[in-house]
Amino acid sequence: MNIGIIGAGHIGSALAIRLVSLGHSVYIANSRGPETLKDVAQKTGAKPVTVQEAARHGEIIVVTIPLKNIPDLPKDLFANVAADVPVIDTSNYYPMLRDGQMPELETGELTESEWVQQHLGRPVVKVFNNIYAEHLQNKGLPAGTPGRISLPVAGDDAVTKQKVMALVQELGFDAVDNGSLHESWRQQPGTPSYGADLPADKLREHFTSLGPRRTEAQHAEYLANHAKQEQAMAAQGIKLK
């Protein structure tokens, strides 16, 4: 397939390496222009392009940039992209380390990807946000292998979600349907599935135990968990791109 990746950070680069190795044609872009991506191109095998070229190239498009930068993308980015092309959102909200306070995401009324979808003006599918880039690049296994990691996939359109789930499977992970985009809170930072590399049966059990609607108590608990995670990351000197 032709795949366009907008964002050349850890997740974008890890995806590019794996997708190129599987024989896909991958275009990769960042906000600073293709001339700044020579090292990324050499490392990944992807072709450095503008964000508009990456979007037009894709039979699947991956948007993997810091959440705070989503509103800075060109407003007409998807103007010439067919409606049946899935747009993957990998974003996570890091208020302390990177994004600053975003009131819309503090209340729990919107999930991160619902907020992204509003800004892009286009349906998105949420995946690749709850796995470390190194694991995404190196821990894919053939279907049926014991210990194969599962990845949650959330979205409102069944057809585009299935295309994305097929890509997840090809990358070496079990794709688990996490319901609608409004239910994608179950894979956000602070939740037990974030960074846990759970097998498919355990991930499905976990989602069932949480239920589809986020309660006020769950929202408060996961915000507190995430704040502790950010504090620990800051203490370790971890910087997010």
C-alpha atoms as a PDB file:
ATOM      1  CA  MET A   1       0.000   0.000   0.000  1.00  0.00           C
ATOM      2  CA  ASN A   2       0.848   3.659  -0.190  1.00  0.00           C
ATOM      3  CA  ILE A   3       1.048   5.006   3.353  1.00  0.00           C
ATOM      4  CA  GLY A   4       1.563   8.621   4.379  1.00  0.00           C
ATOM      5  CA  ILE A   5       2.976   9.420   7.823  1.00  0.00           C
ATOM      6  CA  ILE A   6       2.666  12.959   9.175  1.00  0.00           C
ATOM      7  CA  GLY A   7       5.107  13.180  12.060  1.00  0.00           C
ATOM      8  CA  ALA A   8       8.655  11.851  12.214  1.00  0.00           C
ATOM      9  CA  GLY A   9       9.067  11.366  15.963  1.00  0.00           C
ATOM     10  CA  HIS A  10       9.475   8.065  17.791  1.00  0.00           C
ATOM     11  CA  ILE A  11       6.178   6.444  16.746  1.00  0.00           C
ATOM     12  CA  GLY A  12       6.251   7.813  13.201  1.00  0.00           C
ATOM     13  CA  SER A  13       9.798   6.586  12.636  1.00  0.00           C
ATOM     14  CA  ALA A  14       9.110   3.172  14.180  1.00  0.00           C
ATOM     15  CA  LEU A  15       6.064   2.723  11.947  1.00  0.00           C
ATOM     16  CA  ALA A  16       8.023   3.834   8.884  1.00  0.00           C
ATOM     17  CA  ILE A  17      10.782   1.293   9.531  1.00  0.00           C
ATOM     18  CA  ARG A  18       8.310  -1.573   9.936  1.00  0.00           C
ATOM     19  CA  LEU A  19       6.071  -0.590   7.037  1.00  0.00           C
ATOM     20  CA  VAL A  20       8.970  -0.158   4.619  1.00  0.00           C
ATOM     21  CA  SER A  21      10.330  -3.548   5.702  1.00  0.00           C
ATOM     22  CA  LEU A  22       6.951  -5.066   4.802  1.00  0.00           C
ATOM     23  CA  GLY A  23       7.139  -3.645   1.293  1.00  0.00           C
ATOM     24  CA  HIS A  24       4.826  -0.644   1.603  1.00  0.00           C
ATOM     25  CA  SER A  25       5.546   2.678  -0.104  1.00  0.00           C
ATOM     26  CA  VAL A  26       5.904   5.145   2.775  1.00  0.00           C
ATOM     27  CA  TYR A  27       6.046   8.934   2.569  1.00  0.00           C
ATOM     28  CA  ILE A  28       6.969  10.764   5.778  1.00  0.00           C
ATOM     29  CA  ALA A  29       6.601  14.448   6.648  1.00  0.00           C
ATOM     30  CA  ASN A  30       7.124  16.887   9.475  1.00  0.00           C
ATOM     31  CA  SER A  31       6.320  20.548  10.103  1.00  0.00           C
ATOM     32  CA  ARG A  32       9.797  21.763   9.127  1.00  0.00           C
ATOM     33  CA  GLY A  33       9.947  20.409   5.596  1.00  0.00           C
ATOM     34  CA  PRO A  34      11.451  17.404   3.803  1.00  0.00           C
ATOM     35  CA  GLU A  35      14.945  18.891   3.730  1.00  0.00           C
ATOM     36  CA  THR A  36      15.143  18.324   7.513  1.00  0.00           C
ATOM     37  CA  LEU A  37      14.326  14.609   7.222  1.00  0.00           C
ATOM     38  CA  LYS A  38      17.465  13.249   5.554  1.00  0.00           C
ATOM     39  CA  ASP A  39      18.511  11.312   8.666  1.00  0.00           C
ATOM     40  CA  VAL A  40      14.983   9.957   9.132  1.00  0.00           C
ATOM     41  CA  ALA A  41      14.865   8.881   5.489  1.00  0.00           C
ATOM     42  CA  GLN A  42      18.185   7.085   5.807  1.00  0.00           C
ATOM     43  CA  LYS A  43      17.086   5.372   9.032  1.00  0.00           C
ATOM     44  CA  THR A  44      13.597   4.349   7.884  1.00  0.00           C
ATOM     45  CA  GLY A  45      13.707   4.023   4.109  1.00  0.00           C
ATOM     46  CA  ALA A  46      10.673   6.312   3.835  1.00  0.00           C
ATOM     47  CA  LYS A  47      10.583   9.190   1.339  1.00  0.00           C
ATOM     48  CA  PRO A  48      10.675  12.662   2.940  1.00  0.00           C
ATOM     49  CA  VAL A  49       7.915  14.929   1.605  1.00  0.00           C
ATOM     50  CA  THR A  50       5.635  17.815   2.612  1.00  0.00           C
ATOM     51  CA  VAL A  51       2.603  17.144   4.804  1.00  0.00           C
ATOM     52  CA  GLN A  52       0.322  17.701   1.801  1.00  0.00           C
ATOM     53  CA  GLU A  53       2.252  15.129  -0.251  1.00  0.00           C
ATOM     54  CA  ALA A  54       2.106  12.614   2.600  1.00  0.00           C
ATOM     55  CA  ALA A  55      -1.667  13.041   2.874  1.00  0.00           C
ATOM     56  CA  ARG A  56      -2.230  12.676  -0.885  1.00  0.00           C
ATOM     57  CA  HIS A  57       0.042   9.615  -1.085  1.00  0.00           C
ATOM     58  CA  GLY A  58      -1.747   7.571   1.507  1.00  0.00           C
ATOM     59  CA  GLU A  59      -4.183   4.711   1.101  1.00  0.00           C
ATOM     60  CA  ILE A  60      -3.804   4.975   4.861  1.00  0.00           C
ATOM     61  CA  ILE A  61      -2.625   8.165   6.567  1.00  0.00           C
ATOM     62  CA  VAL A  62      -1.034   8.292  10.012  1.00  0.00           C
ATOM     63  CA  VAL A  63      -1.061  11.547  11.988  1.00  0.00           C
ATOM     64  CA  THR A  64       1.480  11.192  14.775  1.00  0.00           C
ATOM     65  CA  ILE A  65       2.411  14.651  16.027  1.00  0.00           C
ATOM     66  CA  PRO A  66       2.188  16.273  19.476  1.00  0.00           C
ATOM     67  CA  LEU A  67      -1.416  16.926  20.429  1.00  0.00           C
ATOM     68  CA  LYS A  68      -0.806  20.654  20.878  1.00  0.00           C
ATOM     69  CA  ASN A  69       0.351  20.908  17.240  1.00  0.00           C
ATOM     70  CA  ILE A  70      -2.786  19.384  15.694  1.00  0.00           C
ATOM     71  CA  PRO A  71      -4.469  22.805  15.182  1.00  0.00           C
ATOM     72  CA  ASP A  72      -1.386  23.996  13.258  1.00  0.00           C
ATOM     73  CA  LEU A  73      -1.861  21.479  10.429  1.00  0.00           C
ATOM     74  CA  PRO A  74      -3.122  22.990   7.152  1.00  0.00           C
ATOM     75  CA  LYS A  75      -6.896  23.351   7.220  1.00  0.00           C
ATOM     76  CA  ASP A  76      -7.162  21.874   3.713  1.00  0.00           C
ATOM     77  CA  LEU A  77      -4.799  18.965   4.424  1.00  0.00           C
ATOM     78  CA  PHE A  78      -7.367  16.328   3.438  1.00  0.00           C
ATOM     79  CA  ALA A  79      -9.167  18.334   0.747  1.00  0.00           C
ATOM     80  CA  ASN A  80      -8.076  15.992  -2.059  1.00  0.00           C
ATOM     81  CA  VAL A  81      -8.068  12.777  -0.045  1.00  0.00           C
ATOM     82  CA  ALA A  82     -10.858  10.270  -0.708  1.00  0.00           C
ATOM     83  CA  ALA A  83     -13.383   9.832   2.091  1.00  0.00           C
ATOM     84  CA  ASP A  84     -12.655   6.100   2.404  1.00  0.00           C
ATOM     85  CA  VAL A  85      -8.958   6.638   3.229  1.00  0.00           C
ATOM     86  CA  PRO A  86      -8.450   5.891   6.945  1.00  0.00           C
ATOM     87  CA  VAL A  87      -6.739   8.582   9.014  1.00  0.00           C
ATOM     88  CA  ILE A  88      -4.978   7.126  12.056  1.00  0.00           C
ATOM     89  CA  ASP A  89      -4.477   9.263  15.159  1.00  0.00           C
ATOM     90  CA  THR A  90      -1.764   8.134  17.600  1.00  0.00           C
ATOM     91  CA  SER A  91      -1.887  11.140  19.920  1.00  0.00           C
ATOM     92  CA  ASN A  92      -1.692  11.296  23.701  1.00  0.00           C
ATOM     93  CA  TYR A  93      -2.331  14.223  26.011  1.00  0.00           C
ATOM     94  CA  TYR A  94       0.681  15.184  28.157  1.00  0.00           C
ATOM     95  CA  PRO A  95      -0.307  18.414  29.943  1.00  0.00           C
ATOM     96  CA  MET A  96       2.789  18.692  32.145  1.00  0.00           C
ATOM     97  CA  LEU A  97       5.556  17.467  29.846  1.00  0.00           C
ATOM     98  CA  ARG A  98       4.464  18.895  26.515  1.00  0.00           C
ATOM     99  CA  ASP A  99       0.955  20.052  25.678  1.00  0.00           C
ATOM    100  CA  GLY A 100      -0.050  22.386  28.493  1.00  0.00           C
ATOM    101  CA  GLN A 101      -3.499  22.356  30.064  1.00  0.00           C
ATOM    102  CA  MET A 102      -6.308  21.796  27.553  1.00  0.00           C
ATOM    103  CA  PRO A 103      -9.627  22.367  29.359  1.00  0.00           C
ATOM    104  CA  GLU A 104     -11.615  20.372  26.781  1.00  0.00           C
ATOM    105  CA  LEU A 105      -9.656  17.251  27.734  1.00  0.00           C
ATOM    106  CA  GLU A 106      -9.659  17.830  31.479  1.00  0.00           C
ATOM    107  CA  THR A 107     -13.428  17.471  31.849  1.00  0.00           C
ATOM    108  CA  GLY A 108     -13.664  14.000  30.338  1.00  0.00           C
ATOM    109  CA  GLU A 109     -16.439  14.992  27.927  1.00  0.00           C
ATOM    110  CA  LEU A 110     -14.128  14.521  24.940  1.00  0.00           C
ATOM    111  CA  THR A 111     -11.531  11.849  24.345  1.00  0.00           C
ATOM    112  CA  GLU A 112      -8.204  12.916  22.906  1.00  0.00           C
ATOM    113  CA  SER A 113      -9.049  11.527  19.488  1.00  0.00           C
ATOM    114  CA  GLU A 114     -12.504  13.109  19.422  1.00  0.00           C
ATOM    115  CA  TRP A 115     -10.722  16.422  19.931  1.00  0.00           C
ATOM    116  CA  VAL A 116      -8.294  15.583  17.108  1.00  0.00           C
ATOM    117  CA  GLN A 117     -11.188  14.584  14.863  1.00  0.00           C
ATOM    118  CA  GLN A 118     -12.882  17.936  15.464  1.00  0.00           C
ATOM    119  CA  HIS A 119      -9.757  19.826  14.471  1.00  0.00           C
ATOM    120  CA  LEU A 120      -8.996  17.708  11.409  1.00  0.00           C
ATOM    121  CA  GLY A 121     -12.592  17.846  10.233  1.00  0.00           C
ATOM    122  CA  ARG A 122     -12.317  14.208   9.283  1.00  0.00           C
ATOM    123  CA  PRO A 123     -13.092  10.855  10.966  1.00  0.00           C
ATOM    124  CA  VAL A 124     -10.058   9.281  12.640  1.00  0.00           C
ATOM    125  CA  VAL A 125      -9.157   5.845  13.957  1.00  0.00           C
ATOM    126  CA  LYS A 126      -7.215   5.676  17.233  1.00  0.00           C
ATOM    127  CA  VAL A 127      -4.324   3.184  17.496  1.00  0.00           C
ATOM    128  CA  PHE A 128      -0.572   2.975  18.213  1.00  0.00           C
ATOM    129  CA  ASN A 129      -0.898   5.383  21.143  1.00  0.00           C
ATOM    130  CA  ASN A 130      -0.561   2.890  24.011  1.00  0.00           C
ATOM    131  CA  ILE A 131       2.609   1.059  22.941  1.00  0.00           C
ATOM    132  CA  TYR A 132       6.202   2.207  23.267  1.00  0.00           C
ATOM    133  CA  ALA A 133       7.894   3.011  19.957  1.00  0.00           C
ATOM    134  CA  GLU A 134      10.666   0.490  20.572  1.00  0.00           C
ATOM    135  CA  HIS A 135       8.101  -2.250  21.148  1.00  0.00           C
ATOM    136  CA  LEU A 136       6.153  -1.212  18.060  1.00  0.00           C
ATOM    137  CA  GLN A 137       9.312  -1.495  15.998  1.00  0.00           C
ATOM    138  CA  ASN A 138      10.721  -4.697  17.486  1.00  0.00           C
ATOM    139  CA  LYS A 139       8.058  -6.805  19.209  1.00  0.00           C
ATOM    140  CA  GLY A 140       5.680  -7.743  16.411  1.00  0.00           C
ATOM    141  CA  LEU A 141       5.143 -11.519  16.125  1.00  0.00           C
ATOM    142  CA  PRO A 142       3.364 -13.848  13.681  1.00  0.00           C
ATOM    143  CA  ALA A 143      -0.309 -14.504  14.334  1.00  0.00           C
ATOM    144  CA  GLY A 144      -0.871 -17.266  16.869  1.00  0.00           C
ATOM    145  CA  THR A 145       2.513 -16.851  18.553  1.00  0.00           C
ATOM    146  CA  PRO A 146       2.254 -17.070  22.355  1.00  0.00           C
ATOM    147  CA  GLY A 147       2.840 -13.700  23.960  1.00  0.00           C
ATOM    148  CA  ARG A 148       1.791 -11.682  20.907  1.00  0.00           C
ATOM    149  CA  ILE A 149       0.932  -8.135  21.994  1.00  0.00           C
ATOM    150  CA  SER A 150      -2.523  -6.752  21.236  1.00  0.00           C
ATOM    151  CA  LEU A 151      -3.308  -3.168  20.279  1.00  0.00           C
ATOM    152  CA  PRO A 152      -6.675  -1.470  20.812  1.00  0.00           C
ATOM    153  CA  VAL A 153      -8.306   0.169  17.788  1.00  0.00           C
ATOM    154  CA  ALA A 154     -11.158   2.654  18.259  1.00  0.00           C
ATOM    155  CA  GLY A 155     -13.220   4.450  15.638  1.00  0.00           C
ATOM    156  CA  ASP A 156     -16.734   5.258  14.486  1.00  0.00           C
ATOM    157  CA  ASP A 157     -16.584   3.938  10.917  1.00  0.00           C
ATOM    158  CA  ALA A 158     -16.550   0.146  10.648  1.00  0.00           C
ATOM    159  CA  VAL A 159     -14.989   0.006   7.169  1.00  0.00           C
ATOM    160  CA  THR A 160     -11.997   2.256   7.889  1.00  0.00           C
ATOM    161  CA  LYS A 161     -11.526   0.598  11.280  1.00  0.00           C
ATOM    162  CA  GLN A 162     -11.272  -2.822   9.616  1.00  0.00           C
ATOM    163  CA  LYS A 163      -8.618  -1.528   7.207  1.00  0.00           C
ATOM    164  CA  VAL A 164      -6.603  -0.240  10.148  1.00  0.00           C
ATOM    165  CA  MET A 165      -7.054  -3.461  12.108  1.00  0.00           C
ATOM    166  CA  ALA A 166      -5.745  -5.432   9.127  1.00  0.00           C
ATOM    167  CA  LEU A 167      -2.633  -3.227   9.089  1.00  0.00           C
ATOM    168  CA  VAL A 168      -2.119  -3.781  12.828  1.00  0.00           C
ATOM    169  CA  GLN A 169      -2.273  -7.543  12.257  1.00  0.00           C
ATOM    170  CA  GLU A 170       0.247  -7.277   9.424  1.00  0.00           C
ATOM    171  CA  LEU A 171       2.629  -5.408  11.705  1.00  0.00           C
ATOM    172  CA  GLY A 172       2.628  -8.374  14.078  1.00  0.00           C
ATOM    173  CA  PHE A 173       0.054  -7.427  16.697  1.00  0.00           C
ATOM    174  CA  ASP A 174      -3.453  -8.644  17.515  1.00  0.00           C
ATOM    175  CA  ALA A 175      -5.963  -5.898  16.758  1.00  0.00           C
ATOM    176  CA  VAL A 176      -8.664  -5.570  19.422  1.00  0.00           C
ATOM    177  CA  ASP A 177     -11.779  -3.534  18.656  1.00  0.00           C
ATOM    178  CA  ASN A 178     -12.101  -0.872  21.354  1.00  0.00           C
ATOM    179  CA  GLY A 179     -15.455   0.383  20.166  1.00  0.00           C
ATOM    180  CA  SER A 180     -16.294   3.953  19.175  1.00  0.00           C
ATOM    181  CA  LEU A 181     -13.970   6.914  19.335  1.00  0.00           C
ATOM    182  CA  HIS A 182     -15.825   8.034  22.462  1.00  0.00           C
ATOM    183  CA  GLU A 183     -14.766   4.754  24.074  1.00  0.00           C
ATOM    184  CA  SER A 184     -11.086   5.314  23.235  1.00  0.00           C
ATOM    185  CA  TRP A 185     -10.591   6.715  26.762  1.00  0.00           C
ATOM    186  CA  ARG A 186      -9.957   3.078  27.698  1.00  0.00           C
ATOM    187  CA  GLN A 187      -6.570   3.188  25.902  1.00  0.00           C
ATOM    188  CA  GLN A 188      -5.448   6.658  26.992  1.00  0.00           C
ATOM    189  CA  PRO A 189      -2.551   7.414  29.379  1.00  0.00           C
ATOM    190  CA  GLY A 190      -3.290   6.631  33.012  1.00  0.00           C
ATOM    191  CA  THR A 191      -5.444   3.605  32.214  1.00  0.00           C
ATOM    192  CA  PRO A 192      -4.266   0.054  32.981  1.00  0.00           C
ATOM    193  CA  SER A 193      -3.898  -0.825  29.279  1.00  0.00           C
ATOM    194  CA  TYR A 194      -1.477   2.025  28.582  1.00  0.00           C
ATOM    195  CA  GLY A 195       1.976   0.612  27.877  1.00  0.00           C
ATOM    196  CA  ALA A 196       0.945  -2.770  29.320  1.00  0.00           C
ATOM    197  CA  ASP A 197       1.494  -4.921  26.176  1.00  0.00           C
ATOM    198  CA  LEU A 198      -1.467  -7.136  27.063  1.00  0.00           C
ATOM    199  CA  PRO A 199      -2.483 -10.206  25.037  1.00  0.00           C
ATOM    200  CA  ALA A 200      -5.814  -9.966  23.215  1.00  0.00           C
ATOM    201  CA  ASP A 201      -7.876 -11.983  25.687  1.00  0.00           C
ATOM    202  CA  LYS A 202      -6.686  -9.930  28.657  1.00  0.00           C
ATOM    203  CA  LEU A 203      -7.242  -6.641  26.801  1.00  0.00           C
ATOM    204  CA  ARG A 204     -10.810  -7.619  25.901  1.00  0.00           C
ATOM    205  CA  GLU A 205     -11.491  -8.657  29.506  1.00  0.00           C
ATOM    206  CA  HIS A 206     -10.119  -5.343  30.689  1.00  0.00           C
ATOM    207  CA  PHE A 207     -12.347  -3.309  28.368  1.00  0.00           C
ATOM    208  CA  THR A 208     -15.382  -5.322  29.434  1.00  0.00           C
ATOM    209  CA  SER A 209     -14.600  -4.661  33.096  1.00  0.00           C
ATOM    210  CA  LEU A 210     -14.326  -0.909  32.477  1.00  0.00           C
ATOM    211  CA  GLY A 211     -17.606  -0.638  30.588  1.00  0.00           C
ATOM    212  CA  PRO A 212     -18.278   1.704  27.649  1.00  0.00           C
ATOM    213  CA  ARG A 213     -19.034   4.938  29.533  1.00  0.00           C
ATOM    214  CA  ARG A 214     -16.346   6.644  31.593  1.00  0.00           C
ATOM    215  CA  THR A 215     -17.552   7.489  35.083  1.00  0.00           C
ATOM    216  CA  GLU A 216     -16.443  10.562  36.988  1.00  0.00           C
ATOM    217  CA  ALA A 217     -14.537   8.313  39.383  1.00  0.00           C
ATOM    218  CA  GLN A 218     -12.709   6.579  36.525  1.00  0.00           C
ATOM    219  CA  HIS A 219     -11.829   9.913  34.939  1.00  0.00           C
ATOM    220  CA  ALA A 220     -10.438  11.267  38.210  1.00  0.00           C
ATOM    221  CA  GLU A 221      -8.476   8.072  38.845  1.00  0.00           C
ATOM    222  CA  TYR A 222      -6.859   7.994  35.409  1.00  0.00           C
ATOM    223  CA  LEU A 223      -6.020  11.707  35.450  1.00  0.00           C
ATOM    224  CA  ALA A 224      -4.257  11.158  38.783  1.00  0.00           C
ATOM    225  CA  ASN A 225      -2.432   8.096  37.430  1.00  0.00           C
ATOM    226  CA  HIS A 226      -1.324  10.022  34.384  1.00  0.00           C
ATOM    227  CA  ALA A 227      -0.080  12.937  36.490  1.00  0.00           C
ATOM    228  CA  LYS A 228       2.063  10.518  38.508  1.00  0.00           C
ATOM    229  CA  GLN A 229       3.412   8.988  35.291  1.00  0.00           C
ATOM    230  CA  GLU A 230       4.338  12.408  33.945  1.00  0.00           C
ATOM    231  CA  GLN A 231       6.054  13.351  37.205  1.00  0.00           C
ATOM    232  CA  ALA A 232       8.073  10.120  37.109  1.00  0.00           C
ATOM    233  CA  MET A 233       9.025  10.731  33.473  1.00  0.00           C
ATOM    234  CA  ALA A 234      10.106  14.287  34.288  1.00  0.00           C
ATOM    235  CA  ALA A 235      12.231  13.006  37.184  1.00  0.00           C
ATOM    236  CA  GLN A 236      13.967  10.618  34.752  1.00  0.00           C
ATOM    237  CA  GLY A 237      14.708  13.487  32.372  1.00  0.00           C
ATOM    238  CA  ILE A 238      12.427  12.093  29.656  1.00  0.00           C
ATOM    239  CA  LYS A 239      11.535  14.685  27.031  1.00  0.00           C
ATOM    240  CA  LEU A 240       8.647  14.217  24.639  1.00  0.00           C
ATOM    241  CA  LYS A 241       8.640  15.230  20.982  1.00  0.00           C
END
